[in-house]
């Protein structure tokens, strides 16, 4: 007798053969500049349930440019497997044609020229068009938001998330989970959650004092769609109090909580759930491990690590779907659920190519209304990139946006060394393009953005680098917190990603002198995004703006101050 896993493997193969991921066809059409919206949204409806997944929007309401990472290293069993495959290797893995729209959307090579040809991506008015098209085909489709939604822009910061909340409400989601939202502060989060017209989910959000599930967030929500009872379970970012300031939400604790997840799955099944969907902000590798440990999850909609994967990954009998970030993609997943079991699926990762997709007028009106009070501030030109400088973020060690931020910290804060957090959010700026205040805020917006200036010994700087490196390159995904390596300015070093914690970092060099760092000597260090309460300093947005104003024209080329061993 054929097993359910065999059914799913057949479904994976059929998805590839039938164009369920659909990259080959629309990629070639777009390369010929013949792609239409109908072709982009074409889907062979399947089964009786549809899921629509968006995640990691980071408050990007308008179309943007967004470059995928050039380096995304995996360690241990993850090495060489998605999402730790980039560029030409990624295209070869999925049969993506060089120069196609799919190459532009999913890889980094030739980004500037492809961006000039294919245009911007995202825009929540275009996202709305795609969602409405799916709903027209499957009216009872579930729309699920994976979190990192109310964070990441000038208007989001100045409205405490209300601009994004209003736009998302217009899209009519069915449920969401959380991460950066909590950096608005727990009182503001609760104020918004109390008014949401959809479910706020987090099975792992606990009351910190009593170590019990929080009463403010549901663990799961039951839906009936296509004659199927569906449980959608929420999993907020597990490492919130470590990666972000605990003092902003002291009444909550988080964690991965495998045992809790297993209990919730079993409770949902006992309540009659025929399909169990985990709406997760764990990160892709953590989701893979959770799928191997928690039984009974049919689908994991993965968020946090910003991975865009054209086809689901199968772990046991669980399919894992990753839908990118910044409004650049939407995933549609059609499922065949029979006799209380998921027997097959069809999937499509839909790129939101802004020049191809017609904006939804209603949502465009809402977006413009949110932005109108800030129009002059958003559009003020602060500087410009030169004809050779692409500003981007992403990659395990370097990004030119972060190099520019580090330069600003070194200059404006008169420091020897600069540290910039390895966050993954933030659009790209093409060569020869104006840099507006909005652009700066898109890569720095934060509720704890003070740019500190302090002294650290060479020994302590190594401890910092070692600690961050272990968050990224620990072979156990449950010890990884997502994000990338802290960016450094004024400092060079060597890293062996396969060594244990404490032994990865060596050859730390102060670039302005060429000398190795003295473990006992103090160095002036500037940085931002400290999780410590009471951090003092000017806001990073202002530091970067002042630096760019002085430069006028920005010239930043990729740097080689980090030597990587073991990749």
Protein backbone atom coordinates (compact mmCIF):
# COMPACT_ATOMS: atom_id res chain seq x y z
CA UNK A 1 0.00 0.00 0.00
CA UNK A 2 1.30 3.46 -0.90
CA UNK A 3 2.06 5.58 2.17
CA UNK A 4 1.01 9.16 2.79
CA UNK A 5 4.64 10.24 2.47
CA UNK A 6 4.73 8.57 -0.95
CA UNK A 7 1.60 10.53 -1.89
CA UNK A 8 3.34 13.76 -0.89
CA UNK A 9 6.51 12.89 -2.79
CA UNK A 10 4.41 12.22 -5.88
CA UNK A 11 2.74 15.58 -5.27
CA UNK A 12 6.17 17.27 -5.10
CA UNK A 13 7.16 15.70 -8.42
CA UNK A 14 3.86 16.66 -10.01
CA UNK A 15 4.28 20.21 -8.80
CA UNK A 16 7.62 20.43 -10.56
CA UNK A 17 6.39 18.79 -13.77
CA UNK A 18 3.13 20.73 -13.98
CA UNK A 19 4.73 24.07 -13.23
CA UNK A 20 3.33 24.28 -9.72
CA UNK A 21 6.30 26.47 -8.93
CA UNK A 22 5.84 27.94 -12.40
CA UNK A 23 9.28 29.49 -12.64
CA UNK A 24 10.40 28.16 -16.00
CA UNK A 25 7.41 29.48 -17.95
CA UNK A 26 6.96 32.96 -16.51
CA UNK A 27 10.70 33.43 -16.33
CA UNK A 28 11.10 32.94 -20.09
CA UNK A 29 8.10 35.09 -20.88
CA UNK A 30 9.35 37.93 -18.73
CA UNK A 31 12.81 37.65 -20.25
CA UNK A 32 11.11 38.42 -23.56
CA UNK A 33 9.19 41.29 -21.94
CA UNK A 34 5.91 39.51 -22.73
CA UNK A 35 4.78 38.54 -19.25
CA UNK A 36 1.22 39.50 -18.34
CA UNK A 37 -0.52 39.56 -14.98
CA UNK A 38 -2.74 36.65 -15.99
CA UNK A 39 0.28 34.53 -16.85
CA UNK A 40 1.99 35.42 -13.59
CA UNK A 41 -1.08 34.40 -11.59
CA UNK A 42 -1.95 31.31 -13.63
CA UNK A 43 -2.58 28.32 -11.37
CA UNK A 44 -4.10 24.89 -11.89
CA UNK A 45 -6.57 24.81 -8.98
CA UNK A 46 -6.18 21.68 -6.91
CA UNK A 47 -7.83 19.88 -4.02
CA UNK A 48 -10.27 21.54 -1.64
CA UNK A 49 -8.23 23.95 0.53
CA UNK A 50 -6.09 26.99 -0.37
CA UNK A 51 -3.59 28.80 1.84
CA UNK A 52 -2.12 32.23 1.02
CA UNK A 53 1.09 33.05 2.88
CA UNK A 54 2.83 36.40 3.28
CA UNK A 55 5.55 37.13 5.82
CA UNK A 56 8.27 39.57 6.87
CA UNK A 57 6.69 42.56 5.14
CA UNK A 58 8.69 44.95 7.37
CA UNK A 59 6.23 47.77 6.71
CA UNK A 60 7.13 48.08 3.01
CA UNK A 61 3.88 49.41 1.60
CA UNK A 62 5.25 50.70 -1.72
CA UNK A 63 7.23 48.94 -4.48
CA UNK A 64 10.96 48.63 -3.80
CA UNK A 65 14.12 47.03 -5.13
CA UNK A 66 15.31 44.07 -3.07
CA UNK A 67 18.44 42.02 -3.76
CA UNK A 68 18.68 38.43 -2.52
CA UNK A 69 21.83 37.33 -0.62
CA UNK A 70 25.08 36.44 -2.30
CA UNK A 71 26.21 34.35 0.69
CA UNK A 72 23.93 32.20 2.87
CA UNK A 73 26.10 29.51 4.42
CA UNK A 74 24.80 26.35 6.02
CA UNK A 75 26.72 24.26 8.54
CA UNK A 76 26.48 20.60 9.47
CA UNK A 77 23.58 18.78 7.79
CA UNK A 78 22.24 22.07 6.38
CA UNK A 79 25.31 22.71 4.20
CA UNK A 80 24.41 22.72 0.52
CA UNK A 81 20.66 22.52 1.15
CA UNK A 82 18.07 25.27 0.75
CA UNK A 83 17.96 27.95 1.90
CA UNK A 84 21.77 27.79 2.02
CA UNK A 85 22.20 27.88 -1.74
CA UNK A 86 22.60 31.11 -3.70
CA UNK A 87 23.36 32.53 -7.12
CA UNK A 88 24.28 30.17 -9.97
CA UNK A 89 23.98 27.12 -7.70
CA UNK A 90 20.42 28.11 -6.83
CA UNK A 91 19.51 28.63 -10.47
CA UNK A 92 20.96 25.25 -11.39
CA UNK A 93 19.06 23.56 -8.55
CA UNK A 94 15.71 24.89 -9.81
CA UNK A 95 16.40 25.07 -13.53
CA UNK A 96 16.21 28.86 -13.63
CA UNK A 97 17.34 30.56 -16.81
CA UNK A 98 20.07 33.21 -16.51
CA UNK A 99 18.70 36.71 -17.06
CA UNK A 100 15.10 35.64 -16.55
CA UNK A 101 12.63 37.28 -14.20
CA UNK A 102 13.01 34.34 -11.85
CA UNK A 103 16.79 34.86 -11.82
CA UNK A 104 16.13 38.51 -10.93
CA UNK A 105 13.62 37.67 -8.22
CA UNK A 106 15.49 34.80 -6.58
CA UNK A 107 19.22 35.42 -7.02
CA UNK A 108 21.68 38.28 -6.82
CA UNK A 109 23.84 38.01 -9.95
CA UNK A 110 23.58 40.91 -12.40
CA UNK A 111 21.09 42.51 -10.05
CA UNK A 112 21.51 46.10 -11.20
CA UNK A 113 20.97 45.44 -14.88
CA UNK A 114 18.09 43.03 -14.25
CA UNK A 115 16.46 45.51 -11.88
CA UNK A 116 16.64 48.20 -14.54
CA UNK A 117 14.90 45.83 -16.93
CA UNK A 118 12.27 44.24 -14.70
CA UNK A 119 11.58 47.10 -12.32
CA UNK A 120 10.59 47.17 -8.68
CA UNK A 121 8.97 44.44 -6.64
CA UNK A 122 6.32 44.40 -3.94
CA UNK A 123 3.83 47.07 -2.99
CA UNK A 124 0.89 46.09 -0.83
CA UNK A 125 -1.57 47.34 -3.46
CA UNK A 126 -0.08 44.74 -5.85
CA UNK A 127 -0.12 42.13 -3.09
CA UNK A 128 -3.84 42.88 -2.69
CA UNK A 129 -4.41 42.27 -6.39
CA UNK A 130 -2.80 38.84 -6.17
CA UNK A 131 -4.72 37.94 -3.01
CA UNK A 132 -8.00 38.98 -4.61
CA UNK A 133 -7.22 36.93 -7.72
CA UNK A 134 -6.63 33.83 -5.60
CA UNK A 135 -9.82 34.48 -3.66
CA UNK A 136 -11.75 34.87 -6.90
CA UNK A 137 -10.61 31.36 -7.79
CA UNK A 138 -10.93 29.97 -4.24
CA UNK A 139 -13.24 32.28 -2.26
CA UNK A 140 -12.62 30.61 1.10
CA UNK A 141 -8.81 30.65 0.89
CA UNK A 142 -7.05 31.37 4.20
CA UNK A 143 -4.74 34.42 4.22
CA UNK A 144 -2.01 34.01 6.86
CA UNK A 145 0.58 36.62 7.88
CA UNK A 146 3.85 35.28 9.34
CA UNK A 147 4.82 38.42 11.28
CA UNK A 148 7.50 41.12 11.12
CA UNK A 149 4.74 43.26 9.68
CA UNK A 150 4.46 46.35 11.91
CA UNK A 151 8.12 47.34 11.71
CA UNK A 152 10.65 48.78 9.32
CA UNK A 153 9.73 52.19 7.87
CA UNK A 154 9.48 55.90 8.62
CA UNK A 155 5.69 55.94 8.68
CA UNK A 156 5.45 52.73 10.71
CA UNK A 157 7.76 54.22 13.33
CA UNK A 158 5.92 57.52 13.51
CA UNK A 159 2.45 55.92 13.71
CA UNK A 160 3.55 53.11 16.06
CA UNK A 161 2.55 50.58 13.45
CA UNK A 162 -0.90 51.98 12.72
CA UNK A 163 -0.20 52.66 9.04
CA UNK A 164 0.61 49.00 8.39
CA UNK A 165 -2.25 47.78 10.57
CA UNK A 166 -4.71 49.82 8.52
CA UNK A 167 -3.33 48.49 5.23
CA UNK A 168 -3.25 44.88 6.43
CA UNK A 169 -6.82 45.16 7.71
CA UNK A 170 -7.83 46.12 4.18
CA UNK A 171 -6.32 42.83 2.96
CA UNK A 172 -8.51 40.91 5.44
CA UNK A 173 -6.08 38.30 6.82
CA UNK A 174 -7.39 35.39 8.85
CA UNK A 175 -4.48 35.17 11.32
CA UNK A 176 -0.97 36.40 12.10
CA UNK A 177 1.95 35.75 14.44
CA UNK A 178 4.73 38.01 15.72
CA UNK A 179 8.33 39.12 16.15
CA UNK A 180 9.47 42.73 15.61
CA UNK A 181 5.96 43.88 16.47
CA UNK A 182 6.90 43.51 20.15
CA UNK A 183 9.55 46.23 19.82
CA UNK A 184 6.66 48.67 19.75
CA UNK A 185 6.32 47.75 23.43
CA UNK A 186 3.88 45.30 24.96
CA UNK A 187 1.25 47.95 25.76
CA UNK A 188 1.10 49.13 22.16
CA UNK A 189 1.05 45.55 20.86
CA UNK A 190 -1.87 44.72 23.13
CA UNK A 191 -3.71 47.88 22.08
CA UNK A 192 -3.42 46.86 18.42
CA UNK A 193 -4.20 43.18 19.04
CA UNK A 194 -7.38 44.11 20.94
CA UNK A 195 -8.66 45.85 17.81
CA UNK A 196 -7.62 43.31 15.17
CA UNK A 197 -10.46 41.79 13.14
CA UNK A 198 -8.51 38.53 12.82
CA UNK A 199 -6.69 36.05 15.05
CA UNK A 200 -3.42 36.96 16.87
CA UNK A 201 -1.64 33.66 17.43
CA UNK A 202 1.32 32.53 19.51
CA UNK A 203 1.31 29.11 21.16
CA UNK A 204 4.76 29.87 22.56
CA UNK A 205 3.91 33.29 24.03
CA UNK A 206 3.88 32.72 27.78
CA UNK A 207 3.26 34.80 30.87
CA UNK A 208 6.80 35.36 32.18
CA UNK A 209 5.82 35.40 35.84
CA UNK A 210 3.68 32.25 35.88
CA UNK A 211 5.30 30.37 32.97
CA UNK A 212 1.88 29.65 31.54
CA UNK A 213 0.43 30.33 28.08
CA UNK A 214 -0.51 33.99 27.79
CA UNK A 215 -4.22 34.74 27.81
CA UNK A 216 -3.64 37.62 25.38
CA UNK A 217 -2.75 35.40 22.41
CA UNK A 218 -4.54 32.32 21.15
CA UNK A 219 -2.43 29.22 20.57
CA UNK A 220 -4.48 28.29 17.51
CA UNK A 221 -7.62 29.12 15.60
CA UNK A 222 -10.02 26.65 14.01
CA UNK A 223 -11.39 27.35 10.54
CA UNK A 224 -13.65 25.38 8.22
CA UNK A 225 -12.72 25.68 4.58
CA UNK A 226 -13.67 23.44 1.67
CA UNK A 227 -15.50 21.16 4.06
CA UNK A 228 -12.27 20.68 6.06
CA UNK A 229 -11.62 21.64 9.70
CA UNK A 230 -8.28 23.44 9.77
CA UNK A 231 -6.24 24.36 12.84
CA UNK A 232 -3.82 27.25 12.32
CA UNK A 233 -1.25 27.35 15.13
CA UNK A 234 0.91 30.42 15.73
CA UNK A 235 4.59 30.31 16.67
CA UNK A 236 6.13 33.70 17.48
CA UNK A 237 9.88 34.27 17.23
CA UNK A 238 11.34 32.09 19.99
CA UNK A 239 14.35 34.26 20.88
CA UNK A 240 12.57 37.58 21.28
CA UNK A 241 14.02 38.46 24.73
CA UNK A 242 17.57 37.66 23.53
CA UNK A 243 17.59 39.23 20.07
CA UNK A 244 15.45 42.22 21.09
CA UNK A 245 15.16 44.25 24.31
CA UNK A 246 13.46 42.21 27.04
CA UNK A 247 12.56 45.42 28.88
CA UNK A 248 10.10 46.33 26.10
CA UNK A 249 7.90 43.29 26.84
CA UNK A 250 8.90 42.10 30.36
CA UNK A 251 5.64 40.26 31.04
CA UNK A 252 6.21 37.75 28.22
CA UNK A 253 8.54 34.83 27.58
CA UNK A 254 8.83 32.84 24.38
CA UNK A 255 11.08 29.91 23.42
CA UNK A 256 10.77 27.06 20.91
CA UNK A 257 8.77 24.85 23.31
CA UNK A 258 8.57 21.58 21.36
CA UNK A 259 6.54 19.86 24.06
CA UNK A 260 4.03 22.70 24.12
CA UNK A 261 3.73 22.55 20.33
CA UNK A 262 3.08 18.81 20.45
CA UNK A 263 0.37 19.37 23.07
CA UNK A 264 -1.30 22.04 20.95
CA UNK A 265 -1.23 19.85 17.83
CA UNK A 266 -2.82 16.98 19.77
CA UNK A 267 -5.42 19.30 21.29
CA UNK A 268 -6.34 20.61 17.84
CA UNK A 269 -6.58 17.08 16.47
CA UNK A 270 -8.80 16.09 19.40
CA UNK A 271 -11.04 19.04 18.56
CA UNK A 272 -11.49 17.60 15.09
CA UNK A 273 -8.76 19.29 13.04
CA UNK A 274 -8.25 17.44 9.76
CA UNK A 275 -5.44 19.74 8.64
CA UNK A 276 -2.87 21.33 10.97
CA UNK A 277 -1.00 24.40 9.70
CA UNK A 278 1.83 26.00 11.67
CA UNK A 279 2.16 29.73 11.01
CA UNK A 280 5.75 30.09 12.12
CA UNK A 281 8.33 32.77 12.77
CA UNK A 282 10.99 30.26 13.82
CA UNK A 283 13.23 30.54 10.77
CA UNK A 284 13.63 27.88 8.10
CA UNK A 285 16.24 25.61 9.71
CA UNK A 286 14.44 25.70 13.06
CA UNK A 287 11.20 24.79 11.28
CA UNK A 288 12.90 21.82 9.65
CA UNK A 289 14.04 20.53 13.03
CA UNK A 290 10.63 21.16 14.60
CA UNK A 291 8.97 19.23 11.77
CA UNK A 292 11.20 16.26 12.58
CA UNK A 293 10.32 16.37 16.29
CA UNK A 294 6.66 17.40 16.49
CA UNK A 295 4.25 14.93 14.94
CA UNK A 296 0.99 15.82 13.25
CA UNK A 297 1.85 19.13 11.54
CA UNK A 298 0.82 19.01 7.87
CA UNK A 299 2.13 22.38 6.67
CA UNK A 300 4.63 24.84 8.11
CA UNK A 301 4.47 28.36 6.68
CA UNK A 302 7.97 29.55 7.53
CA UNK A 303 9.09 33.09 8.30
CA UNK A 304 11.86 35.11 9.95
CA UNK A 305 14.90 34.15 7.85
CA UNK A 306 13.50 35.82 4.69
CA UNK A 307 14.05 32.77 2.50
CA UNK A 308 12.28 32.58 -0.86
CA UNK A 309 12.11 28.91 -1.89
CA UNK A 310 10.35 28.01 -5.17
CA UNK A 311 9.22 24.58 -4.00
CA UNK A 312 8.20 23.28 -0.56
CA UNK A 313 10.64 21.14 1.40
CA UNK A 314 9.35 17.82 2.73
CA UNK A 315 10.40 16.73 6.24
CA UNK A 316 8.74 13.46 7.11
CA UNK A 317 5.11 14.11 6.22
CA UNK A 318 5.30 17.88 6.77
CA UNK A 319 5.74 20.35 3.91
CA UNK A 320 7.58 23.58 4.66
CA UNK A 321 6.83 26.69 2.60
CA UNK A 322 9.02 29.83 2.61
CA UNK A 323 7.69 33.04 1.06
CA UNK A 324 10.49 35.60 1.08
CA UNK A 325 10.20 39.07 2.59
CA UNK A 326 9.46 42.76 2.08
CA UNK A 327 6.28 42.06 0.10
CA UNK A 328 8.32 40.54 -2.73
CA UNK A 329 6.48 37.19 -2.88
CA UNK A 330 3.21 35.48 -2.02
CA UNK A 331 2.85 31.73 -1.68
CA UNK A 332 -0.28 29.93 -2.76
CA UNK A 333 -0.66 26.36 -1.50
CA UNK A 334 -3.57 24.19 -2.65
CA UNK A 335 -4.17 21.03 -0.63
CA UNK A 336 -6.10 17.84 -1.17
CA UNK A 337 -7.47 16.86 2.24
CA UNK A 338 -9.41 13.60 2.37
CA UNK A 339 -10.49 11.46 5.29
CA UNK A 340 -8.84 13.80 7.76
CA UNK A 341 -5.44 13.65 6.05
CA UNK A 342 -3.48 15.79 3.63
CA UNK A 343 -2.95 13.61 0.58
CA UNK A 344 -1.37 16.01 -1.88
CA UNK A 345 -0.66 19.65 -2.67
CA UNK A 346 0.19 22.15 -5.37
CA UNK A 347 2.27 25.25 -4.67
CA UNK A 348 3.30 28.45 -6.37
CA UNK A 349 5.68 31.14 -5.15
CA UNK A 350 4.37 34.25 -6.90
CA UNK A 351 6.82 37.13 -7.38
CA UNK A 352 5.22 40.54 -6.99
CA UNK A 353 6.67 42.21 -10.08
CA UNK A 354 5.29 45.70 -9.67
CA UNK A 355 5.34 46.64 -13.34
CA UNK A 356 3.35 43.55 -14.28
CA UNK A 357 0.67 43.50 -11.56
CA UNK A 358 -2.08 46.11 -11.59
CA UNK A 359 -2.37 47.89 -8.21
CA UNK A 360 -5.61 47.44 -6.28
CA UNK A 361 -7.18 50.90 -6.20
CA UNK A 362 -8.83 50.52 -2.81
CA UNK A 363 -5.65 49.44 -1.04
CA UNK A 364 -3.57 52.01 -2.96
CA UNK A 365 -5.91 54.69 -1.58
CA UNK A 366 -5.40 53.41 1.97
CA UNK A 367 -1.61 53.38 1.52
CA UNK A 368 -1.54 56.91 0.14
CA UNK A 369 -3.68 58.14 3.03
CA UNK A 370 -1.25 56.68 5.58
CA UNK A 371 1.71 58.29 3.87
CA UNK A 372 0.18 61.68 3.09
CA UNK A 373 1.00 63.40 6.43
CA UNK A 374 4.67 62.49 5.99
CA UNK A 375 5.05 63.05 2.25
CA UNK A 376 7.58 65.89 2.40
CA UNK A 377 9.80 64.15 4.95
CA UNK A 378 9.70 60.84 3.05
CA UNK A 379 10.62 62.34 -0.30
CA UNK A 380 13.41 64.69 0.81
CA UNK A 381 16.57 63.77 -1.08
CA UNK A 382 19.56 63.39 1.25
CA UNK A 383 22.18 62.22 -1.26
CA UNK A 384 22.75 59.97 -4.22
CA UNK A 385 24.60 56.78 -5.09
CA UNK A 386 27.31 57.08 -7.71
CA UNK A 387 27.12 55.16 -10.95
CA UNK A 388 28.97 52.14 -9.54
CA UNK A 389 27.47 51.78 -6.06
CA UNK A 390 24.58 49.41 -5.35
CA UNK A 391 23.31 49.65 -1.79
CA UNK A 392 22.00 46.33 -0.54
CA UNK A 393 21.63 44.33 2.62
CA UNK A 394 21.83 40.50 2.86
CA UNK A 395 24.69 38.07 2.90
CA UNK A 396 26.16 36.43 5.97
CA UNK A 397 29.02 38.91 6.41
CA UNK A 398 28.75 42.00 4.26
CA UNK A 399 26.25 44.34 2.68
CA UNK A 400 27.00 47.73 1.21
CA UNK A 401 24.17 49.40 3.12
CA UNK A 402 25.77 48.19 6.36
CA UNK A 403 29.21 49.25 5.16
CA UNK A 404 27.78 52.74 4.69
CA UNK A 405 26.17 52.64 8.14
CA UNK A 406 29.50 51.57 9.65
CA UNK A 407 31.27 54.41 7.82
CA UNK A 408 28.72 56.82 9.30
CA UNK A 409 29.33 55.49 12.81
CA UNK A 410 33.11 55.73 12.43
CA UNK A 411 32.93 59.28 11.13
CA UNK A 412 30.06 60.82 13.06
CA UNK A 413 30.88 59.13 16.38
CA UNK A 414 34.67 59.39 15.99
CA UNK A 415 35.28 55.71 16.65
CA UNK A 416 38.02 53.18 15.91
CA UNK A 417 35.58 50.34 15.23
CA UNK A 418 31.92 50.26 14.21
CA UNK A 419 29.39 47.48 14.80
CA UNK A 420 26.11 47.22 12.89
CA UNK A 421 23.57 44.44 13.59
CA UNK A 422 23.18 41.75 10.94
CA UNK A 423 19.49 42.36 10.36
CA UNK A 424 18.04 41.13 7.06
CA UNK A 425 15.36 43.73 6.39
CA UNK A 426 15.81 46.73 4.14
CA UNK A 427 15.39 47.46 0.40
CA UNK A 428 18.18 48.09 -2.10
CA UNK A 429 19.16 51.34 -3.85
CA UNK A 430 20.40 51.17 -7.44
CA UNK A 431 23.50 52.99 -8.74
CA UNK A 432 22.79 56.56 -9.76
CA UNK A 433 19.62 56.70 -7.66
CA UNK A 434 18.58 59.39 -5.19
CA UNK A 435 18.74 58.42 -1.51
CA UNK A 436 15.71 59.82 0.30
CA UNK A 437 15.00 60.04 4.00
CA UNK A 438 12.55 57.18 3.51
CA UNK A 439 15.36 55.03 2.09
CA UNK A 440 17.51 55.62 5.17
CA UNK A 441 14.68 54.77 7.54
CA UNK A 442 13.89 51.61 5.58
CA UNK A 443 17.23 50.17 6.72
CA UNK A 444 17.49 51.75 10.18
CA UNK A 445 13.97 52.22 11.55
CA UNK A 446 13.92 50.91 15.09
CA UNK A 447 12.42 51.79 18.46
CA UNK A 448 15.84 51.39 20.12
CA UNK A 449 18.07 52.98 17.51
CA UNK A 450 20.43 54.94 19.78
CA UNK A 451 23.95 55.06 18.33
CA UNK A 452 26.16 54.39 21.35
CA UNK A 453 29.86 55.22 21.74
CA UNK A 454 31.85 53.24 24.26
CA UNK A 455 35.17 51.55 24.92
CA UNK A 456 35.74 47.82 24.56
CA UNK A 457 38.86 45.76 25.03
CA UNK A 458 40.14 43.63 22.16
CA UNK A 459 39.23 40.59 24.22
CA UNK A 460 35.61 41.75 24.65
CA UNK A 461 35.25 42.53 20.94
CA UNK A 462 36.26 38.94 20.21
CA UNK A 463 33.65 37.71 22.70
CA UNK A 464 30.99 39.74 20.87
CA UNK A 465 31.97 38.35 17.47
CA UNK A 466 32.16 34.78 18.79
CA UNK A 467 28.75 35.06 20.40
CA UNK A 468 27.07 36.35 17.23
CA UNK A 469 28.87 33.76 15.09
CA UNK A 470 27.51 30.96 17.26
CA UNK A 471 23.97 32.29 16.80
CA UNK A 472 24.44 31.79 13.06
CA UNK A 473 26.76 28.81 12.66
CA UNK A 474 25.88 26.48 15.51
CA UNK A 475 25.18 23.10 13.90
CA UNK A 476 22.04 22.73 16.03
CA UNK A 477 19.32 24.93 14.49
CA UNK A 478 17.71 25.39 17.90
CA UNK A 479 20.73 27.49 18.90
CA UNK A 480 20.43 29.72 15.83
CA UNK A 481 18.58 33.00 16.13
CA UNK A 482 18.48 33.96 12.47
CA UNK A 483 19.95 37.17 11.12
CA UNK A 484 23.48 37.51 9.81
CA UNK A 485 26.90 38.23 11.27
CA UNK A 486 27.35 41.58 12.96
CA UNK A 487 28.76 43.98 10.39
CA UNK A 488 32.07 45.64 11.25
CA UNK A 489 33.73 48.88 10.21
CA UNK A 490 37.39 49.66 10.82
CA UNK A 491 38.03 46.02 11.71
CA UNK A 492 39.12 42.95 9.77
CA UNK A 493 39.03 39.35 10.98
CA UNK A 494 39.10 35.71 9.94
CA UNK A 495 36.26 33.29 10.73
CA UNK A 496 36.25 29.49 10.51
CA UNK A 497 32.54 28.68 10.52
CA UNK A 498 33.10 24.99 11.35
CA UNK A 499 34.92 25.58 14.64
CA UNK A 500 33.14 25.51 18.01
CA UNK A 501 32.13 28.63 19.89
CA UNK A 502 35.13 30.57 21.12
CA UNK A 503 37.40 29.30 18.35
CA UNK A 504 35.85 30.72 15.19
CA UNK A 505 37.31 34.24 15.21
CA UNK A 506 40.99 35.06 14.70
CA UNK A 507 43.34 37.65 13.17
CA UNK A 508 41.30 40.65 14.34
CA UNK A 509 43.01 43.67 12.79
CA UNK A 510 42.49 47.39 13.30
CA UNK A 511 42.34 48.53 9.68
CA UNK A 512 43.57 52.09 10.18
CA UNK A 513 46.89 50.84 11.61
CA UNK A 514 47.10 47.32 10.22
CA UNK A 515 47.90 46.03 13.73
CA UNK A 516 46.31 43.03 15.40
CA UNK A 517 43.92 43.94 18.19
CA UNK A 518 45.51 43.82 21.62
CA UNK A 519 43.23 41.79 23.93
CA UNK A 520 44.04 44.09 26.87
CA UNK A 521 43.79 47.42 25.04
CA UNK A 522 40.66 49.62 24.94
CA UNK A 523 39.23 50.67 21.59
CA UNK A 524 36.52 53.25 20.90
CA UNK A 525 33.54 51.37 19.48
CA UNK A 526 30.37 52.86 17.99
CA UNK A 527 27.28 50.82 17.27
CA UNK A 528 23.51 50.80 17.45
CA UNK A 529 20.53 48.60 18.37
CA UNK A 530 21.79 47.72 21.84
CA UNK A 531 19.27 45.64 23.78
CA UNK A 532 20.35 47.32 27.03
CA UNK A 533 17.86 49.71 28.61
CA UNK A 534 19.06 53.27 28.99
CA UNK A 535 21.49 53.24 26.05
CA UNK A 536 22.42 56.81 25.13
CA UNK A 537 23.35 58.40 21.84
CA UNK A 538 21.84 60.04 18.76
CA UNK A 539 19.41 58.01 16.67
CA UNK A 540 21.10 55.93 13.98
CA UNK A 541 18.78 57.38 11.33
CA UNK A 542 20.13 60.85 12.08
CA UNK A 543 23.73 59.63 12.16
CA UNK A 544 23.41 58.06 8.71
CA UNK A 545 21.51 61.03 7.30
CA UNK A 546 24.19 63.48 8.48
CA UNK A 547 26.93 61.32 6.98
CA UNK A 548 25.21 61.03 3.60
CA UNK A 549 24.53 64.77 3.52
CA UNK A 550 28.23 65.44 3.97
CA UNK A 551 29.16 62.95 1.25
CA UNK A 552 26.56 64.14 -1.24
CA UNK A 553 27.39 61.30 -3.60
CA UNK A 554 27.86 57.90 -1.99
CA UNK A 555 30.54 55.52 -3.23
CA UNK A 556 30.50 52.14 -1.51
CA UNK A 557 31.96 49.02 -3.07
CA UNK A 558 31.84 45.54 -1.50
CA UNK A 559 34.66 45.02 1.01
CA UNK A 560 36.90 42.08 1.80
CA UNK A 561 37.71 42.75 5.46
CA UNK A 562 36.28 39.35 6.51
CA UNK A 563 38.09 36.16 5.51
CA UNK A 564 35.84 33.08 5.65
CA UNK A 565 37.22 29.58 6.18
CA UNK A 566 35.26 26.34 5.93
CA UNK A 567 32.46 27.54 3.65
